[in-house]
């Protein structure tokens, strides 16, 4: 079974502006991922404390509640610790602190890190080579694995 970590932006995609083609395609891919988890038991979704924290920071109350409800339904395992040295190492690659923390939680606990963040996706080759975790956009994940 594939262990996947979904960045906070993936969970929020359903509630973003669906008139943008990329956002709509990523939201559709997210639905397919959830289907693979629920109906086909092909994937297990790993969550983390930073994911929970980012969801709590969503400004719109309705959106925060909606995202939290989906996360609570689909996250099978929550990782509670990460390596600070790993986080610093990832941040030194030019990523934001929270992005580095998400990756530090995911590495060694997941096969895939799925994100809509272009800054992370632009570093995917380096991250994959260094840490043996696949970094993909939700659309890529669906095309590769589902």
Protein backbone atom coordinates (compact mmCIF):
# COMPACT_ATOMS: atom_id res chain seq x y z
CA UNK A 1 0.00 0.00 0.00
CA UNK A 2 1.32 3.43 -0.92
CA UNK A 3 1.87 5.86 1.91
CA UNK A 4 1.15 9.41 0.78
CA UNK A 5 1.45 12.81 2.42
CA UNK A 6 -0.77 15.58 1.07
CA UNK A 7 0.42 19.16 1.52
CA UNK A 8 -2.16 21.53 3.03
CA UNK A 9 -2.75 23.19 -0.35
CA UNK A 10 -3.98 19.88 -1.79
CA UNK A 11 -6.61 19.52 0.94
CA UNK A 12 -7.79 23.07 0.23
CA UNK A 13 -7.98 22.67 -3.56
CA UNK A 14 -11.66 21.74 -3.49
CA UNK A 15 -12.48 25.15 -2.06
CA UNK A 16 -10.25 27.26 -4.32
CA UNK A 17 -11.36 29.14 -7.45
CA UNK A 18 -12.57 26.35 -9.74
CA UNK A 19 -12.76 28.66 -12.76
CA UNK A 20 -8.98 28.26 -13.11
CA UNK A 21 -8.23 25.15 -15.17
CA UNK A 22 -5.16 24.06 -13.17
CA UNK A 23 -7.03 24.36 -9.87
CA UNK A 24 -10.02 22.44 -11.21
CA UNK A 25 -7.78 19.65 -12.57
CA UNK A 26 -5.91 19.42 -9.25
CA UNK A 27 -9.22 19.28 -7.36
CA UNK A 28 -10.42 16.47 -9.65
CA UNK A 29 -7.15 14.60 -9.07
CA UNK A 30 -7.60 15.07 -5.32
CA UNK A 31 -11.05 13.42 -5.57
CA UNK A 32 -9.47 10.47 -7.41
CA UNK A 33 -6.87 10.15 -4.65
CA UNK A 34 -9.59 10.09 -2.00
CA UNK A 35 -11.42 7.44 -4.02
CA UNK A 36 -8.25 5.33 -4.16
CA UNK A 37 -8.03 5.57 -0.38
CA UNK A 38 -11.69 4.93 0.42
CA UNK A 39 -12.92 2.50 -2.22
CA UNK A 40 -9.83 0.73 -3.45
CA UNK A 41 -7.64 0.86 -0.33
CA UNK A 42 -4.66 1.52 -2.60
CA UNK A 43 -3.22 4.37 -0.53
CA UNK A 44 -2.87 5.35 3.09
CA UNK A 45 -2.76 9.07 3.87
CA UNK A 46 -0.26 10.27 6.45
CA UNK A 47 -0.87 13.55 8.27
CA UNK A 48 1.14 15.63 10.71
CA UNK A 49 1.02 18.29 13.37
CA UNK A 50 2.04 21.00 10.86
CA UNK A 51 -0.83 19.96 8.57
CA UNK A 52 -3.28 20.30 11.46
CA UNK A 53 -1.73 23.67 12.36
CA UNK A 54 -2.01 25.02 8.81
CA UNK A 55 -5.63 23.95 8.59
CA UNK A 56 -6.38 25.77 11.85
CA UNK A 57 -4.95 28.93 10.26
CA UNK A 58 -7.40 28.96 7.33
CA UNK A 59 -9.15 32.30 7.70
CA UNK A 60 -12.59 31.45 6.32
CA UNK A 61 -14.40 29.50 9.03
CA UNK A 62 -16.51 27.45 6.56
CA UNK A 63 -13.43 26.47 4.57
CA UNK A 64 -11.44 25.58 7.71
CA UNK A 65 -14.27 23.35 8.97
CA UNK A 66 -14.70 21.69 5.60
CA UNK A 67 -11.00 20.94 5.13
CA UNK A 68 -10.71 19.69 8.72
CA UNK A 69 -13.66 17.34 8.22
CA UNK A 70 -12.10 15.80 5.10
CA UNK A 71 -8.71 15.45 6.80
CA UNK A 72 -10.31 13.78 9.81
CA UNK A 73 -12.07 11.28 7.53
CA UNK A 74 -9.10 10.35 5.37
CA UNK A 75 -5.89 10.67 7.38
CA UNK A 76 -5.06 7.20 8.69
CA UNK A 77 -1.92 8.05 10.60
CA UNK A 78 -0.62 11.28 12.15
CA UNK A 79 3.12 11.70 12.51
CA UNK A 80 3.91 13.54 15.73
CA UNK A 81 7.63 14.25 15.39
CA UNK A 82 10.15 15.33 12.80
CA UNK A 83 13.87 15.90 12.65
CA UNK A 84 14.84 19.54 13.23
CA UNK A 85 18.18 18.95 11.49
CA UNK A 86 16.35 17.50 8.48
CA UNK A 87 14.04 20.51 8.45
CA UNK A 88 17.04 22.90 8.48
CA UNK A 89 18.68 20.92 5.70
CA UNK A 90 15.54 21.12 3.55
CA UNK A 91 15.07 24.81 4.30
CA UNK A 92 18.65 25.43 3.14
CA UNK A 93 17.52 24.24 -0.29
CA UNK A 94 15.56 27.49 -0.53
CA UNK A 95 12.16 26.40 0.76
CA UNK A 96 9.96 28.20 3.27
CA UNK A 97 10.06 27.04 6.88
CA UNK A 98 6.57 25.45 6.86
CA UNK A 99 7.28 23.67 3.57
CA UNK A 100 10.49 22.28 5.06
CA UNK A 101 8.58 21.08 8.12
CA UNK A 102 5.95 19.34 5.95
CA UNK A 103 8.71 17.57 4.05
CA UNK A 104 10.56 16.68 7.26
CA UNK A 105 7.38 15.00 8.52
CA UNK A 106 6.83 13.18 5.21
CA UNK A 107 10.36 11.89 4.61
CA UNK A 108 10.82 8.41 6.14
CA UNK A 109 7.05 8.17 6.70
CA UNK A 110 5.69 8.35 3.13
CA UNK A 111 6.39 7.16 -0.38
CA UNK A 112 4.98 10.33 -1.96
CA UNK A 113 4.78 14.00 -1.03
CA UNK A 114 1.90 15.48 -3.03
CA UNK A 115 1.72 19.26 -3.39
CA UNK A 116 0.39 22.06 -5.58
CA UNK A 117 3.26 24.34 -4.52
CA UNK A 118 5.43 25.21 -7.52
CA UNK A 119 8.40 26.18 -5.30
CA UNK A 120 8.51 22.65 -3.92
CA UNK A 121 7.80 21.05 -7.29
CA UNK A 122 10.69 23.02 -8.82
CA UNK A 123 13.01 21.33 -6.28
CA UNK A 124 11.57 17.83 -6.77
CA UNK A 125 14.61 16.33 -8.51
CA UNK A 126 16.93 17.44 -5.71
CA UNK A 127 14.50 16.34 -2.97
CA UNK A 128 13.86 12.95 -4.58
CA UNK A 129 17.56 12.28 -5.10
CA UNK A 130 18.52 13.32 -1.58
CA UNK A 131 15.66 11.85 0.44
CA UNK A 132 14.14 8.98 -1.57
CA UNK A 133 10.61 10.37 -1.55
CA UNK A 134 8.66 11.12 -4.72
CA UNK A 135 7.46 14.72 -5.00
CA UNK A 136 4.51 15.23 -7.35
CA UNK A 137 1.52 17.37 -8.15
CA UNK A 138 -1.86 15.59 -7.53
CA UNK A 139 -2.40 15.29 -11.30
CA UNK A 140 0.98 13.59 -11.75
CA UNK A 141 0.25 11.21 -8.88
CA UNK A 142 -3.04 10.12 -10.46
CA UNK A 143 -1.35 9.64 -13.84
CA UNK A 144 1.56 7.66 -12.35
CA UNK A 145 -0.16 5.55 -9.71
CA UNK A 146 -3.91 5.42 -10.20
